[in-house]
């Protein structure tokens, strides 16, 4: 159980960092204000939005020891 909690914490930190790289704090706050948490389905209801001019490119770097994610 502790391992599951640890993995969930790592996942949350990863996703938060990714979102912050893609969006400004003001944009995140704006979407969160328009979103709502639904206890009956135990999940967030997030309205559709468009993310413009963001293209993911990864630079070619020397091997750093990172494993490929599942």
C-alpha atoms as a PDB file:
ATOM      1  CA  UNK A   1       0.000   0.000   0.000  1.00  0.00           C
ATOM      2  CA  UNK A   2       2.809   2.438   0.805  1.00  0.00           C
ATOM      3  CA  UNK A   3       4.358   1.664  -2.575  1.00  0.00           C
ATOM      4  CA  UNK A   4       1.053   2.490  -4.288  1.00  0.00           C
ATOM      5  CA  UNK A   5       0.818   5.806  -2.447  1.00  0.00           C
ATOM      6  CA  UNK A   6       4.420   6.602  -3.316  1.00  0.00           C
ATOM      7  CA  UNK A   7       3.806   5.837  -7.002  1.00  0.00           C
ATOM      8  CA  UNK A   8       0.674   8.017  -7.001  1.00  0.00           C
ATOM      9  CA  UNK A   9       2.643  10.901  -5.467  1.00  0.00           C
ATOM     10  CA  UNK A  10       5.310  10.545  -8.150  1.00  0.00           C
ATOM     11  CA  UNK A  11       2.656  10.463 -10.880  1.00  0.00           C
ATOM     12  CA  UNK A  12       0.941  13.585  -9.541  1.00  0.00           C
ATOM     13  CA  UNK A  13       4.258  15.471  -9.384  1.00  0.00           C
ATOM     14  CA  UNK A  14       5.079  14.396 -12.948  1.00  0.00           C
ATOM     15  CA  UNK A  15       1.711  15.486 -14.354  1.00  0.00           C
ATOM     16  CA  UNK A  16       1.805  18.807 -12.459  1.00  0.00           C
ATOM     17  CA  UNK A  17       5.243  19.547 -13.845  1.00  0.00           C
ATOM     18  CA  UNK A  18       4.149  18.683 -17.391  1.00  0.00           C
ATOM     19  CA  UNK A  19       1.080  20.910 -17.186  1.00  0.00           C
ATOM     20  CA  UNK A  20       3.157  23.804 -15.837  1.00  0.00           C
ATOM     21  CA  UNK A  21       5.524  23.400 -18.783  1.00  0.00           C
ATOM     22  CA  UNK A  22       2.616  23.630 -21.223  1.00  0.00           C
ATOM     23  CA  UNK A  23       0.483  26.307 -19.578  1.00  0.00           C
ATOM     24  CA  UNK A  24       0.858  29.469 -17.537  1.00  0.00           C
ATOM     25  CA  UNK A  25      -0.390  29.434 -13.948  1.00  0.00           C
ATOM     26  CA  UNK A  26      -3.162  31.876 -14.910  1.00  0.00           C
ATOM     27  CA  UNK A  27      -4.389  29.522 -17.631  1.00  0.00           C
ATOM     28  CA  UNK A  28      -4.392  26.565 -15.236  1.00  0.00           C
ATOM     29  CA  UNK A  29      -6.339  28.590 -12.667  1.00  0.00           C
ATOM     30  CA  UNK A  30      -8.865  29.709 -15.296  1.00  0.00           C
ATOM     31  CA  UNK A  31      -9.566  26.109 -16.340  1.00  0.00           C
ATOM     32  CA  UNK A  32      -9.746  24.942 -12.721  1.00  0.00           C
ATOM     33  CA  UNK A  33     -12.333  27.636 -11.928  1.00  0.00           C
ATOM     34  CA  UNK A  34     -14.516  26.357 -14.762  1.00  0.00           C
ATOM     35  CA  UNK A  35     -14.035  22.717 -13.714  1.00  0.00           C
ATOM     36  CA  UNK A  36     -15.784  20.842 -10.952  1.00  0.00           C
ATOM     37  CA  UNK A  37     -15.202  17.697  -8.976  1.00  0.00           C
ATOM     38  CA  UNK A  38     -18.029  15.158  -9.124  1.00  0.00           C
ATOM     39  CA  UNK A  39     -18.148  12.969  -6.017  1.00  0.00           C
ATOM     40  CA  UNK A  40     -20.580  10.536  -7.637  1.00  0.00           C
ATOM     41  CA  UNK A  41     -18.009   9.505 -10.262  1.00  0.00           C
ATOM     42  CA  UNK A  42     -14.982  10.394  -8.145  1.00  0.00           C
ATOM     43  CA  UNK A  43     -13.438  12.452 -10.951  1.00  0.00           C
ATOM     44  CA  UNK A  44     -12.981  15.952 -12.342  1.00  0.00           C
ATOM     45  CA  UNK A  45     -15.308  17.348 -14.997  1.00  0.00           C
ATOM     46  CA  UNK A  46     -13.088  19.606 -17.097  1.00  0.00           C
ATOM     47  CA  UNK A  47     -14.621  21.613 -19.930  1.00  0.00           C
ATOM     48  CA  UNK A  48     -13.063  21.213 -23.360  1.00  0.00           C
ATOM     49  CA  UNK A  49     -10.344  23.722 -24.174  1.00  0.00           C
ATOM     50  CA  UNK A  50      -7.881  24.329 -26.979  1.00  0.00           C
ATOM     51  CA  UNK A  51      -4.155  24.503 -26.440  1.00  0.00           C
ATOM     52  CA  UNK A  52      -2.684  26.449 -29.352  1.00  0.00           C
ATOM     53  CA  UNK A  53       0.835  26.514 -30.735  1.00  0.00           C
ATOM     54  CA  UNK A  54       2.303  23.952 -28.382  1.00  0.00           C
ATOM     55  CA  UNK A  55       4.236  21.228 -30.133  1.00  0.00           C
ATOM     56  CA  UNK A  56       6.310  18.708 -28.262  1.00  0.00           C
ATOM     57  CA  UNK A  57       9.856  18.246 -29.493  1.00  0.00           C
ATOM     58  CA  UNK A  58      12.551  16.528 -27.517  1.00  0.00           C
ATOM     59  CA  UNK A  59      16.135  17.542 -28.173  1.00  0.00           C
ATOM     60  CA  UNK A  60      18.628  14.866 -29.079  1.00  0.00           C
ATOM     61  CA  UNK A  61      20.744  14.418 -25.966  1.00  0.00           C
ATOM     62  CA  UNK A  62      23.350  11.943 -24.907  1.00  0.00           C
ATOM     63  CA  UNK A  63      21.994   8.973 -22.989  1.00  0.00           C
ATOM     64  CA  UNK A  64      21.206  10.134 -19.458  1.00  0.00           C
ATOM     65  CA  UNK A  65      20.093   6.860 -17.940  1.00  0.00           C
ATOM     66  CA  UNK A  66      16.359   7.592 -18.176  1.00  0.00           C
ATOM     67  CA  UNK A  67      14.303   4.507 -18.853  1.00  0.00           C
ATOM     68  CA  UNK A  68      11.455   4.581 -21.318  1.00  0.00           C
ATOM     69  CA  UNK A  69       8.146   5.151 -19.569  1.00  0.00           C
ATOM     70  CA  UNK A  70       5.375   2.578 -19.853  1.00  0.00           C
END
